[in-house]
Amino acid sequence: MKPAPRDVQKAAKLYEEFREQKPRRGRRIEFELPKSVMIMGTIRSISYDTTRRGKTELYTHDFADGSRPLLCANGGKNNQLFIIEGRYRVTERGIVDINAKGNEIDDS
């Protein structure tokens, strides 16, 4: 299924804010959303490589206790992992934890 132009624009805007550069091309990634998943546990932290400010670096985000998402698996033939729920948002700064009132948690 082809994505709606508005969804592509939102993804491109977030990419540009986070990566501090315009996307050069899009990439279509196909995946299935399962009707059920197995919850493996909560995610305490996540580490990922990305390029920002023209430099590739390892970033690690430690989730606050009340913000931790669930790590889930579908166990199907594609053996996919999913990050579900949790209180956080992705911003130009990266992953930002949110408290129960919807406010950003200051991690400084």
PDB file of N, CA and C in Angstrom:
ATOM      1  N   MET A   1       0.833  -1.172   0.000  1.00  0.00           N
ATOM      2  CA  MET A   1       0.000   0.000   0.000  1.00  0.00           C
ATOM      3  C   MET A   1       0.886   1.246   0.000  1.00  0.00           C
ATOM      4  N   LYS A   2       0.580   2.160  -0.871  1.00  0.00           N
ATOM      5  CA  LYS A   2       1.354   3.393  -1.003  1.00  0.00           C
ATOM      6  C   LYS A   2       0.993   4.357   0.132  1.00  0.00           C
ATOM      7  N   PRO A   3       2.003   4.967   0.785  1.00  0.00           N
ATOM      8  CA  PRO A   3       1.703   5.889   1.883  1.00  0.00           C
ATOM      9  C   PRO A   3       1.073   7.184   1.373  1.00  0.00           C
ATOM     10  N   ALA A   4       0.279   7.799   2.229  1.00  0.00           N
ATOM     11  CA  ALA A   4      -0.330   9.082   1.898  1.00  0.00           C
ATOM     12  C   ALA A   4       0.759  10.152   1.830  1.00  0.00           C
ATOM     13  N   PRO A   5       0.676  11.092   0.891  1.00  0.00           N
ATOM     14  CA  PRO A   5       1.688  12.155   0.784  1.00  0.00           C
ATOM     15  C   PRO A   5       1.903  12.908   2.101  1.00  0.00           C
ATOM     16  N   ARG A   6       0.826  13.122   2.855  1.00  0.00           N
ATOM     17  CA  ARG A   6       0.949  13.828   4.142  1.00  0.00           C
ATOM     18  C   ARG A   6       1.835  13.047   5.117  1.00  0.00           C
ATOM     19  N   ASP A   7       1.691  11.722   5.139  1.00  0.00           N
ATOM     20  CA  ASP A   7       2.512  10.891   6.023  1.00  0.00           C
ATOM     21  C   ASP A   7       3.981  10.942   5.608  1.00  0.00           C
ATOM     22  N   VAL A   8       4.242  10.939   4.313  1.00  0.00           N
ATOM     23  CA  VAL A   8       5.616  11.038   3.811  1.00  0.00           C
ATOM     24  C   VAL A   8       6.208  12.391   4.199  1.00  0.00           C
ATOM     25  N   GLN A   9       5.429  13.454   4.088  1.00  0.00           N
ATOM     26  CA  GLN A   9       5.903  14.792   4.457  1.00  0.00           C
ATOM     27  C   GLN A   9       6.216  14.875   5.943  1.00  0.00           C
ATOM     28  N   LYS A  10       5.373  14.273   6.794  1.00  0.00           N
ATOM     29  CA  LYS A  10       5.625  14.284   8.242  1.00  0.00           C
ATOM     30  C   LYS A  10       6.917  13.533   8.572  1.00  0.00           C
ATOM     31  N   ALA A  11       7.126  12.386   7.927  1.00  0.00           N
ATOM     32  CA  ALA A  11       8.343  11.603   8.162  1.00  0.00           C
ATOM     33  C   ALA A  11       9.574  12.372   7.686  1.00  0.00           C
ATOM     34  N   ALA A  12       9.471  13.039   6.535  1.00  0.00           N
ATOM     35  CA  ALA A  12      10.597  13.818   5.999  1.00  0.00           C
ATOM     36  C   ALA A  12      10.923  14.989   6.913  1.00  0.00           C
ATOM     37  N   LYS A  13       9.895  15.634   7.469  1.00  0.00           N
ATOM     38  CA  LYS A  13      10.111  16.762   8.380  1.00  0.00           C
ATOM     39  C   LYS A  13      10.829  16.310   9.655  1.00  0.00           C
ATOM     40  N   LEU A  14      10.382  15.191  10.231  1.00  0.00           N
ATOM     41  CA  LEU A  14      11.030  14.666  11.434  1.00  0.00           C
ATOM     42  C   LEU A  14      12.465  14.262  11.130  1.00  0.00           C
ATOM     43  N   TYR A  15      12.696  13.638   9.976  1.00  0.00           N
ATOM     44  CA  TYR A  15      14.047  13.257   9.551  1.00  0.00           C
ATOM     45  C   TYR A  15      14.940  14.501   9.505  1.00  0.00           C
ATOM     46  N   GLU A  16      14.438  15.540   8.860  1.00  0.00           N
ATOM     47  CA  GLU A  16      15.234  16.763   8.708  1.00  0.00           C
ATOM     48  C   GLU A  16      15.530  17.416  10.057  1.00  0.00           C
ATOM     49  N   GLU A  17      14.548  17.448  10.946  1.00  0.00           N
ATOM     50  CA  GLU A  17      14.771  18.029  12.276  1.00  0.00           C
ATOM     51  C   GLU A  17      15.779  17.218  13.077  1.00  0.00           C
ATOM     52  N   PHE A  18      15.653  15.899  13.051  1.00  0.00           N
ATOM     53  CA  PHE A  18      16.519  15.038  13.851  1.00  0.00           C
ATOM     54  C   PHE A  18      17.914  14.898  13.248  1.00  0.00           C
ATOM     55  N   ARG A  19      17.985  14.654  11.941  1.00  0.00           N
ATOM     56  CA  ARG A  19      19.272  14.409  11.290  1.00  0.00           C
ATOM     57  C   ARG A  19      19.967  15.691  10.847  1.00  0.00           C
ATOM     58  N   GLU A  20      19.242  16.822  10.904  1.00  0.00           N
ATOM     59  CA  GLU A  20      19.790  18.135  10.552  1.00  0.00           C
ATOM     60  C   GLU A  20      20.252  18.199   9.103  1.00  0.00           C
ATOM     61  N   GLN A  21      19.522  17.509   8.243  1.00  0.00           N
ATOM     62  CA  GLN A  21      19.755  17.563   6.802  1.00  0.00           C
ATOM     63  C   GLN A  21      18.503  17.058   6.103  1.00  0.00           C
ATOM     64  N   LYS A  22      18.317  17.472   4.888  1.00  0.00           N
ATOM     65  CA  LYS A  22      17.163  17.018   4.112  1.00  0.00           C
ATOM     66  C   LYS A  22      17.381  15.574   3.677  1.00  0.00           C
ATOM     67  N   PRO A  23      16.307  14.782   3.669  1.00  0.00           N
ATOM     68  CA  PRO A  23      16.460  13.412   3.152  1.00  0.00           C
ATOM     69  C   PRO A  23      16.766  13.457   1.658  1.00  0.00           C
ATOM     70  N   ARG A  24      17.697  12.628   1.221  1.00  0.00           N
ATOM     71  CA  ARG A  24      18.053  12.577  -0.205  1.00  0.00           C
ATOM     72  C   ARG A  24      17.103  11.694  -0.985  1.00  0.00           C
ATOM     73  N   ARG A  25      16.559  10.711  -0.327  1.00  0.00           N
ATOM     74  CA  ARG A  25      15.642   9.786  -0.990  1.00  0.00           C
ATOM     75  C   ARG A  25      14.786   9.118   0.081  1.00  0.00           C
ATOM     76  N   GLY A  26      13.691   8.554  -0.358  1.00  0.00           N
ATOM     77  CA  GLY A  26      12.841   7.786   0.540  1.00  0.00           C
ATOM     78  C   GLY A  26      13.159   6.313   0.423  1.00  0.00           C
ATOM     79  N   ARG A  27      12.758   5.578   1.404  1.00  0.00           N
ATOM     80  CA  ARG A  27      12.952   4.133   1.378  1.00  0.00           C
ATOM     81  C   ARG A  27      11.666   3.480   1.846  1.00  0.00           C
ATOM     82  N   ARG A  28      11.148   2.633   1.032  1.00  0.00           N
ATOM     83  CA  ARG A  28       9.923   1.938   1.384  1.00  0.00           C
ATOM     84  C   ARG A  28      10.283   0.649   2.113  1.00  0.00           C
ATOM     85  N   ILE A  29       9.770   0.510   3.307  1.00  0.00           N
ATOM     86  CA  ILE A  29      10.020  -0.677   4.116  1.00  0.00           C
ATOM     87  C   ILE A  29       8.681  -1.365   4.333  1.00  0.00           C
ATOM     88  N   GLU A  30       8.585  -2.593   3.882  1.00  0.00           N
ATOM     89  CA  GLU A  30       7.338  -3.324   4.040  1.00  0.00           C
ATOM     90  C   GLU A  30       7.407  -4.190   5.289  1.00  0.00           C
ATOM     91  N   PHE A  31       6.320  -4.153   6.037  1.00  0.00           N
ATOM     92  CA  PHE A  31       6.216  -4.984   7.228  1.00  0.00           C
ATOM     93  C   PHE A  31       4.744  -5.252   7.487  1.00  0.00           C
ATOM     94  N   GLU A  32       4.498  -6.283   8.257  1.00  0.00           N
ATOM     95  CA  GLU A  32       3.138  -6.650   8.595  1.00  0.00           C
ATOM     96  C   GLU A  32       2.860  -6.257  10.039  1.00  0.00           C
ATOM     97  N   LEU A  33       1.679  -5.709  10.258  1.00  0.00           N
ATOM     98  CA  LEU A  33       1.246  -5.448  11.624  1.00  0.00           C
ATOM     99  C   LEU A  33       0.452  -6.665  12.084  1.00  0.00           C
ATOM    100  N   PRO A  34       0.981  -7.379  13.065  1.00  0.00           N
ATOM    101  CA  PRO A  34       0.281  -8.588  13.514  1.00  0.00           C
ATOM    102  C   PRO A  34      -0.971  -8.237  14.321  1.00  0.00           C
ATOM    103  N   LYS A  35      -1.870  -9.190  14.409  1.00  0.00           N
ATOM    104  CA  LYS A  35      -3.082  -8.999  15.206  1.00  0.00           C
ATOM    105  C   LYS A  35      -2.813  -9.246  16.680  1.00  0.00           C
ATOM    106  N   SER A  36      -1.737  -9.940  16.981  1.00  0.00           N
ATOM    107  CA  SER A  36      -1.348 -10.153  18.374  1.00  0.00           C
ATOM    108  C   SER A  36       0.174 -10.289  18.441  1.00  0.00           C
ATOM    109  N   VAL A  37       0.714  -9.979  19.608  1.00  0.00           N
ATOM    110  CA  VAL A  37       2.155 -10.074  19.832  1.00  0.00           C
ATOM    111  C   VAL A  37       2.413 -10.664  21.208  1.00  0.00           C
ATOM    112  N   MET A  38       3.619 -11.132  21.394  1.00  0.00           N
ATOM    113  CA  MET A  38       4.076 -11.604  22.686  1.00  0.00           C
ATOM    114  C   MET A  38       4.897 -10.478  23.320  1.00  0.00           C
ATOM    115  N   ILE A  39       4.599 -10.127  24.552  1.00  0.00           N
ATOM    116  CA  ILE A  39       5.368  -9.094  25.252  1.00  0.00           C
ATOM    117  C   ILE A  39       6.603  -9.749  25.854  1.00  0.00           C
ATOM    118  N   MET A  40       7.767  -9.285  25.414  1.00  0.00           N
ATOM    119  CA  MET A  40       9.026  -9.832  25.927  1.00  0.00           C
ATOM    120  C   MET A  40       9.407  -9.172  27.250  1.00  0.00           C
ATOM    121  N   GLY A  41       9.097  -7.885  27.388  1.00  0.00           N
ATOM    122  CA  GLY A  41       9.431  -7.147  28.602  1.00  0.00           C
ATOM    123  C   GLY A  41       9.472  -5.657  28.316  1.00  0.00           C
ATOM    124  N   THR A  42       9.930  -4.887  29.294  1.00  0.00           N
ATOM    125  CA  THR A  42      10.039  -3.443  29.109  1.00  0.00           C
ATOM    126  C   THR A  42      11.444  -3.094  28.622  1.00  0.00           C
ATOM    127  N   ILE A  43      11.521  -2.013  27.892  1.00  0.00           N
ATOM    128  CA  ILE A  43      12.805  -1.546  27.367  1.00  0.00           C
ATOM    129  C   ILE A  43      13.380  -0.512  28.325  1.00  0.00           C
ATOM    130  N   ARG A  44      14.527  -0.819  28.900  1.00  0.00           N
ATOM    131  CA  ARG A  44      15.200   0.119  29.810  1.00  0.00           C
ATOM    132  C   ARG A  44      15.993   1.162  29.048  1.00  0.00           C
ATOM    133  N   SER A  45      16.632   0.716  27.955  1.00  0.00           N
ATOM    134  CA  SER A  45      17.420   1.643  27.149  1.00  0.00           C
ATOM    135  C   SER A  45      17.484   1.120  25.719  1.00  0.00           C
ATOM    136  N   ILE A  46      17.823   2.027  24.816  1.00  0.00           N
ATOM    137  CA  ILE A  46      17.962   1.662  23.414  1.00  0.00           C
ATOM    138  C   ILE A  46      19.205   2.362  22.877  1.00  0.00           C
ATOM    139  N   SER A  47      19.985   1.654  22.094  1.00  0.00           N
ATOM    140  CA  SER A  47      21.188   2.215  21.473  1.00  0.00           C
ATOM    141  C   SER A  47      21.057   2.087  19.963  1.00  0.00           C
ATOM    142  N   TYR A  48      21.474   3.099  19.250  1.00  0.00           N
ATOM    143  CA  TYR A  48      21.364   3.091  17.798  1.00  0.00           C
ATOM    144  C   TYR A  48      22.437   3.981  17.192  1.00  0.00           C
ATOM    145  N   ASP A  49      22.888   3.617  16.004  1.00  0.00           N
ATOM    146  CA  ASP A  49      23.828   4.433  15.240  1.00  0.00           C
ATOM    147  C   ASP A  49      23.024   5.332  14.314  1.00  0.00           C
ATOM    148  N   THR A  50      23.389   6.588  14.256  1.00  0.00           N
ATOM    149  CA  THR A  50      22.756   7.498  13.311  1.00  0.00           C
ATOM    150  C   THR A  50      23.730   8.616  12.965  1.00  0.00           C
ATOM    151  N   THR A  51      23.432   9.297  11.873  1.00  0.00           N
ATOM    152  CA  THR A  51      24.271  10.408  11.442  1.00  0.00           C
ATOM    153  C   THR A  51      23.550  11.708  11.750  1.00  0.00           C
ATOM    154  N   ARG A  52      24.204  12.555  12.517  1.00  0.00           N
ATOM    155  CA  ARG A  52      23.708  13.891  12.838  1.00  0.00           C
ATOM    156  C   ARG A  52      24.884  14.847  12.722  1.00  0.00           C
ATOM    157  N   ARG A  53      24.565  16.042  12.237  1.00  0.00           N
ATOM    158  CA  ARG A  53      25.613  17.055  12.047  1.00  0.00           C
ATOM    159  C   ARG A  53      26.753  16.514  11.183  1.00  0.00           C
ATOM    160  N   GLY A  54      26.419  15.601  10.245  1.00  0.00           N
ATOM    161  CA  GLY A  54      27.401  15.057   9.322  1.00  0.00           C
ATOM    162  C   GLY A  54      28.321  14.003   9.911  1.00  0.00           C
ATOM    163  N   LYS A  55      28.051  13.565  11.138  1.00  0.00           N
ATOM    164  CA  LYS A  55      28.927  12.605  11.811  1.00  0.00           C
ATOM    165  C   LYS A  55      28.099  11.420  12.326  1.00  0.00           C
ATOM    166  N   THR A  56      28.561  10.192  12.043  1.00  0.00           N
ATOM    167  CA  THR A  56      27.874   8.997  12.529  1.00  0.00           C
ATOM    168  C   THR A  56      28.350   8.689  13.942  1.00  0.00           C
ATOM    169  N   GLU A  57      27.379   8.530  14.840  1.00  0.00           N
ATOM    170  CA  GLU A  57      27.690   8.258  16.239  1.00  0.00           C
ATOM    171  C   GLU A  57      26.713   7.254  16.822  1.00  0.00           C
ATOM    172  N   LEU A  58      27.109   6.672  17.943  1.00  0.00           N
ATOM    173  CA  LEU A  58      26.243   5.790  18.711  1.00  0.00           C
ATOM    174  C   LEU A  58      25.491   6.642  19.723  1.00  0.00           C
ATOM    175  N   TYR A  59      24.182   6.513  19.718  1.00  0.00           N
ATOM    176  CA  TYR A  59      23.344   7.202  20.697  1.00  0.00           C
ATOM    177  C   TYR A  59      22.679   6.161  21.572  1.00  0.00           C
ATOM    178  N   THR A  60      22.557   6.461  22.854  1.00  0.00           N
ATOM    179  CA  THR A  60      21.868   5.587  23.806  1.00  0.00           C
ATOM    180  C   THR A  60      20.870   6.424  24.575  1.00  0.00           C
ATOM    181  N   HIS A  61      19.651   5.916  24.668  1.00  0.00           N
ATOM    182  CA  HIS A  61      18.630   6.595  25.469  1.00  0.00           C
ATOM    183  C   HIS A  61      18.212   5.660  26.585  1.00  0.00           C
ATOM    184  N   ASP A  62      18.328   6.128  27.822  1.00  0.00           N
ATOM    185  CA  ASP A  62      17.851   5.388  28.988  1.00  0.00           C
ATOM    186  C   ASP A  62      16.456   5.901  29.316  1.00  0.00           C
ATOM    187  N   PHE A  63      15.459   5.042  29.207  1.00  0.00           N
ATOM    188  CA  PHE A  63      14.090   5.448  29.471  1.00  0.00           C
ATOM    189  C   PHE A  63      13.866   5.648  30.969  1.00  0.00           C
ATOM    190  N   ALA A  64      13.114   6.674  31.323  1.00  0.00           N
ATOM    191  CA  ALA A  64      12.710   6.895  32.709  1.00  0.00           C
ATOM    192  C   ALA A  64      11.761   5.773  33.124  1.00  0.00           C
ATOM    193  N   ASP A  65      11.702   5.483  34.422  1.00  0.00           N
ATOM    194  CA  ASP A  65      10.889   4.364  34.918  1.00  0.00           C
ATOM    195  C   ASP A  65       9.464   4.366  34.375  1.00  0.00           C
ATOM    196  N   GLY A  66       8.767   5.479  34.413  1.00  0.00           N
ATOM    197  CA  GLY A  66       7.378   5.520  33.984  1.00  0.00           C
ATOM    198  C   GLY A  66       7.190   5.676  32.487  1.00  0.00           C
ATOM    199  N   SER A  67       8.273   5.771  31.732  1.00  0.00           N
ATOM    200  CA  SER A  67       8.184   6.014  30.289  1.00  0.00           C
ATOM    201  C   SER A  67       8.518   4.789  29.447  1.00  0.00           C
ATOM    202  N   ARG A  68       8.936   3.730  30.067  1.00  0.00           N
ATOM    203  CA  ARG A  68       9.467   2.579  29.329  1.00  0.00           C
ATOM    204  C   ARG A  68       8.435   1.892  28.437  1.00  0.00           C
ATOM    205  N   PRO A  69       8.775   1.745  27.146  1.00  0.00           N
ATOM    206  CA  PRO A  69       7.888   1.021  26.232  1.00  0.00           C
ATOM    207  C   PRO A  69       8.065  -0.483  26.387  1.00  0.00           C
ATOM    208  N   LEU A  70       7.170  -1.211  25.733  1.00  0.00           N
ATOM    209  CA  LEU A  70       7.230  -2.670  25.727  1.00  0.00           C
ATOM    210  C   LEU A  70       7.977  -3.158  24.492  1.00  0.00           C
ATOM    211  N   LEU A  71       8.788  -4.183  24.659  1.00  0.00           N
ATOM    212  CA  LEU A  71       9.406  -4.873  23.529  1.00  0.00           C
ATOM    213  C   LEU A  71       8.544  -6.098  23.249  1.00  0.00           C
ATOM    214  N   CYS A  72       8.031  -6.164  22.019  1.00  0.00           N
ATOM    215  CA  CYS A  72       7.114  -7.241  21.646  1.00  0.00           C
ATOM    216  C   CYS A  72       7.618  -7.948  20.391  1.00  0.00           C
ATOM    217  N   ALA A  73       7.185  -9.184  20.214  1.00  0.00           N
ATOM    218  CA  ALA A  73       7.544  -9.967  19.025  1.00  0.00           C
ATOM    219  C   ALA A  73       6.291 -10.643  18.492  1.00  0.00           C
ATOM    220  N   ASN A  74       6.274 -10.820  17.164  1.00  0.00           N
ATOM    221  CA  ASN A  74       5.102 -11.472  16.572  1.00  0.00           C
ATOM    222  C   ASN A  74       5.288 -12.975  16.428  1.00  0.00           C
ATOM    223  N   GLY A  75       6.515 -13.447  16.444  1.00  0.00           N
ATOM    224  CA  GLY A  75       6.766 -14.875  16.363  1.00  0.00           C
ATOM    225  C   GLY A  75       6.387 -15.515  15.041  1.00  0.00           C
ATOM    226  N   GLY A  76       6.040 -14.718  14.059  1.00  0.00           N
ATOM    227  CA  GLY A  76       5.657 -15.252  12.754  1.00  0.00           C
ATOM    228  C   GLY A  76       6.867 -15.536  11.894  1.00  0.00           C
ATOM    229  N   LYS A  77       6.620 -15.774  10.625  1.00  0.00           N
ATOM    230  CA  LYS A  77       7.702 -16.116   9.704  1.00  0.00           C
ATOM    231  C   LYS A  77       8.697 -14.977   9.531  1.00  0.00           C
ATOM    232  N   ASN A  78       8.245 -13.723   9.701  1.00  0.00           N
ATOM    233  CA  ASN A  78       9.153 -12.578   9.558  1.00  0.00           C
ATOM    234  C   ASN A  78       9.902 -12.260  10.848  1.00  0.00           C
ATOM    235  N   ASN A  79       9.459 -12.824  11.961  1.00  0.00           N
ATOM    236  CA  ASN A  79      10.151 -12.668  13.233  1.00  0.00           C
ATOM    237  C   ASN A  79      10.458 -11.209  13.546  1.00  0.00           C
ATOM    238  N   GLN A  80       9.442 -10.368  13.553  1.00  0.00           N
ATOM    239  CA  GLN A  80       9.626  -8.939  13.757  1.00  0.00           C
ATOM    240  C   GLN A  80       9.558  -8.560  15.228  1.00  0.00           C
ATOM    241  N   LEU A  81      10.301  -7.491  15.584  1.00  0.00           N
ATOM    242  CA  LEU A  81      10.220  -6.886  16.909  1.00  0.00           C
ATOM    243  C   LEU A  81       9.458  -5.583  16.794  1.00  0.00           C
ATOM    244  N   PHE A  82       8.730  -5.224  17.851  1.00  0.00           N
ATOM    245  CA  PHE A  82       7.968  -3.986  17.879  1.00  0.00           C
ATOM    246  C   PHE A  82       8.205  -3.273  19.203  1.00  0.00           C
ATOM    247  N   ILE A  83       8.323  -1.968  19.138  1.00  0.00           N
ATOM    248  CA  ILE A  83       8.382  -1.128  20.337  1.00  0.00           C
ATOM    249  C   ILE A  83       7.002  -0.502  20.463  1.00  0.00           C
ATOM    250  N   ILE A  84       6.287  -0.852  21.531  1.00  0.00           N
ATOM    251  CA  ILE A  84       4.891  -0.478  21.678  1.00  0.00           C
ATOM    252  C   ILE A  84       4.678   0.245  23.008  1.00  0.00           C
ATOM    253  N   GLU A  85       3.802   1.210  22.969  1.00  0.00           N
ATOM    254  CA  GLU A  85       3.390   1.991  24.134  1.00  0.00           C
ATOM    255  C   GLU A  85       4.558   2.780  24.708  1.00  0.00           C
ATOM    256  N   GLY A  86       4.538   3.043  25.980  1.00  0.00           N
ATOM    257  CA  GLY A  86       5.546   3.882  26.612  1.00  0.00           C
ATOM    258  C   GLY A  86       5.160   5.352  26.510  1.00  0.00           C
ATOM    259  N   ARG A  87       5.786   6.157  27.361  1.00  0.00           N
ATOM    260  CA  ARG A  87       5.541   7.600  27.338  1.00  0.00           C
ATOM    261  C   ARG A  87       6.820   8.301  26.885  1.00  0.00           C
ATOM    262  N   TYR A  88       6.875   8.599  25.620  1.00  0.00           N
ATOM    263  CA  TYR A  88       8.021   9.280  25.025  1.00  0.00           C
ATOM    264  C   TYR A  88       7.571   9.861  23.703  1.00  0.00           C
ATOM    265  N   ARG A  89       8.379  10.723  23.159  1.00  0.00           N
ATOM    266  CA  ARG A  89       8.160  11.190  21.786  1.00  0.00           C
ATOM    267  C   ARG A  89       9.526  11.343  21.142  1.00  0.00           C
ATOM    268  N   VAL A  90       9.528  11.330  19.819  1.00  0.00           N
ATOM    269  CA  VAL A  90      10.762  11.532  19.069  1.00  0.00           C
ATOM    270  C   VAL A  90      10.747  12.967  18.565  1.00  0.00           C
ATOM    271  N   THR A  91      11.792  13.709  18.903  1.00  0.00           N
ATOM    272  CA  THR A  91      11.900  15.118  18.540  1.00  0.00           C
ATOM    273  C   THR A  91      13.219  15.348  17.822  1.00  0.00           C
ATOM    274  N   GLU A  92      13.506  16.605  17.518  1.00  0.00           N
ATOM    275  CA  GLU A  92      14.787  16.946  16.901  1.00  0.00           C
ATOM    276  C   GLU A  92      15.956  16.599  17.814  1.00  0.00           C
ATOM    277  N   ARG A  93      15.699  16.467  19.130  1.00  0.00           N
ATOM    278  CA  ARG A  93      16.752  16.095  20.082  1.00  0.00           C
ATOM    279  C   ARG A  93      16.922  14.588  20.196  1.00  0.00           C
ATOM    280  N   GLY A  94      15.978  13.839  19.651  1.00  0.00           N
ATOM    281  CA  GLY A  94      16.007  12.389  19.778  1.00  0.00           C
ATOM    282  C   GLY A  94      14.816  11.920  20.587  1.00  0.00           C
ATOM    283  N   ILE A  95      14.983  10.858  21.363  1.00  0.00           N
ATOM    284  CA  ILE A  95      13.907  10.312  22.188  1.00  0.00           C
ATOM    285  C   ILE A  95      13.810  11.143  23.462  1.00  0.00           C
ATOM    286  N   VAL A  96      12.607  11.603  23.774  1.00  0.00           N
ATOM    287  CA  VAL A  96      12.371  12.425  24.964  1.00  0.00           C
ATOM    288  C   VAL A  96      11.282  11.751  25.787  1.00  0.00           C
ATOM    289  N   ASP A  97      11.569  11.474  27.057  1.00  0.00           N
ATOM    290  CA  ASP A  97      10.587  10.857  27.945  1.00  0.00           C
ATOM    291  C   ASP A  97       9.516  11.873  28.337  1.00  0.00           C
ATOM    292  N   ILE A  98       8.308  11.366  28.560  1.00  0.00           N
ATOM    293  CA  ILE A  98       7.153  12.179  28.923  1.00  0.00           C
ATOM    294  C   ILE A  98       6.618  11.654  30.257  1.00  0.00           C
ATOM    295  N   ASN A  99       6.234  12.561  31.156  1.00  0.00           N
ATOM    296  CA  ASN A  99       5.655  12.111  32.425  1.00  0.00           C
ATOM    297  C   ASN A  99       4.157  11.860  32.276  1.00  0.00           C
ATOM    298  N   ALA A 100       3.496  11.445  33.346  1.00  0.00           N
ATOM    299  CA  ALA A 100       2.076  11.092  33.292  1.00  0.00           C
ATOM    300  C   ALA A 100       1.196  12.277  32.922  1.00  0.00           C
ATOM    301  N   LYS A 101       1.672  13.493  33.140  1.00  0.00           N
ATOM    302  CA  LYS A 101       0.891  14.690  32.794  1.00  0.00           C
ATOM    303  C   LYS A 101       1.131  15.153  31.363  1.00  0.00           C
ATOM    304  N   GLY A 102       2.014  14.439  30.634  1.00  0.00           N
ATOM    305  CA  GLY A 102       2.280  14.786  29.248  1.00  0.00           C
ATOM    306  C   GLY A 102       3.414  15.785  29.053  1.00  0.00           C
ATOM    307  N   ASN A 103       4.139  16.068  30.124  1.00  0.00           N
ATOM    308  CA  ASN A 103       5.262  17.009  30.054  1.00  0.00           C
ATOM    309  C   ASN A 103       6.578  16.265  29.868  1.00  0.00           C
ATOM    310  N   GLU A 104       7.500  16.904  29.158  1.00  0.00           N
ATOM    311  CA  GLU A 104       8.822  16.312  28.962  1.00  0.00           C
ATOM    312  C   GLU A 104       9.541  16.196  30.303  1.00  0.00           C
ATOM    313  N   ILE A 105      10.241  15.088  30.471  1.00  0.00           N
ATOM    314  CA  ILE A 105      11.039  14.875  31.677  1.00  0.00           C
ATOM    315  C   ILE A 105      12.421  15.437  31.420  1.00  0.00           C
ATOM    316  N   ASP A 106      12.872  16.324  32.283  1.00  0.00           N
ATOM    317  CA  ASP A 106      14.196  16.937  32.143  1.00  0.00           C
ATOM    318  C   ASP A 106      15.229  15.923  32.595  1.00  0.00           C
ATOM    319  N   ASP A 107      16.057  15.471  31.642  1.00  0.00           N
ATOM    320  CA  ASP A 107      17.065  14.444  31.969  1.00  0.00           C
ATOM    321  C   ASP A 107      18.437  15.029  32.215  1.00  0.00           C
ATOM    322  N   SER A 108      18.513  16.327  32.413  1.00  0.00           N
ATOM    323  CA  SER A 108      19.843  16.932  32.640  1.00  0.00           C
ATOM    324  C   SER A 108      20.246  16.894  34.082  1.00  0.00           C
TER     325      SER A 108
END
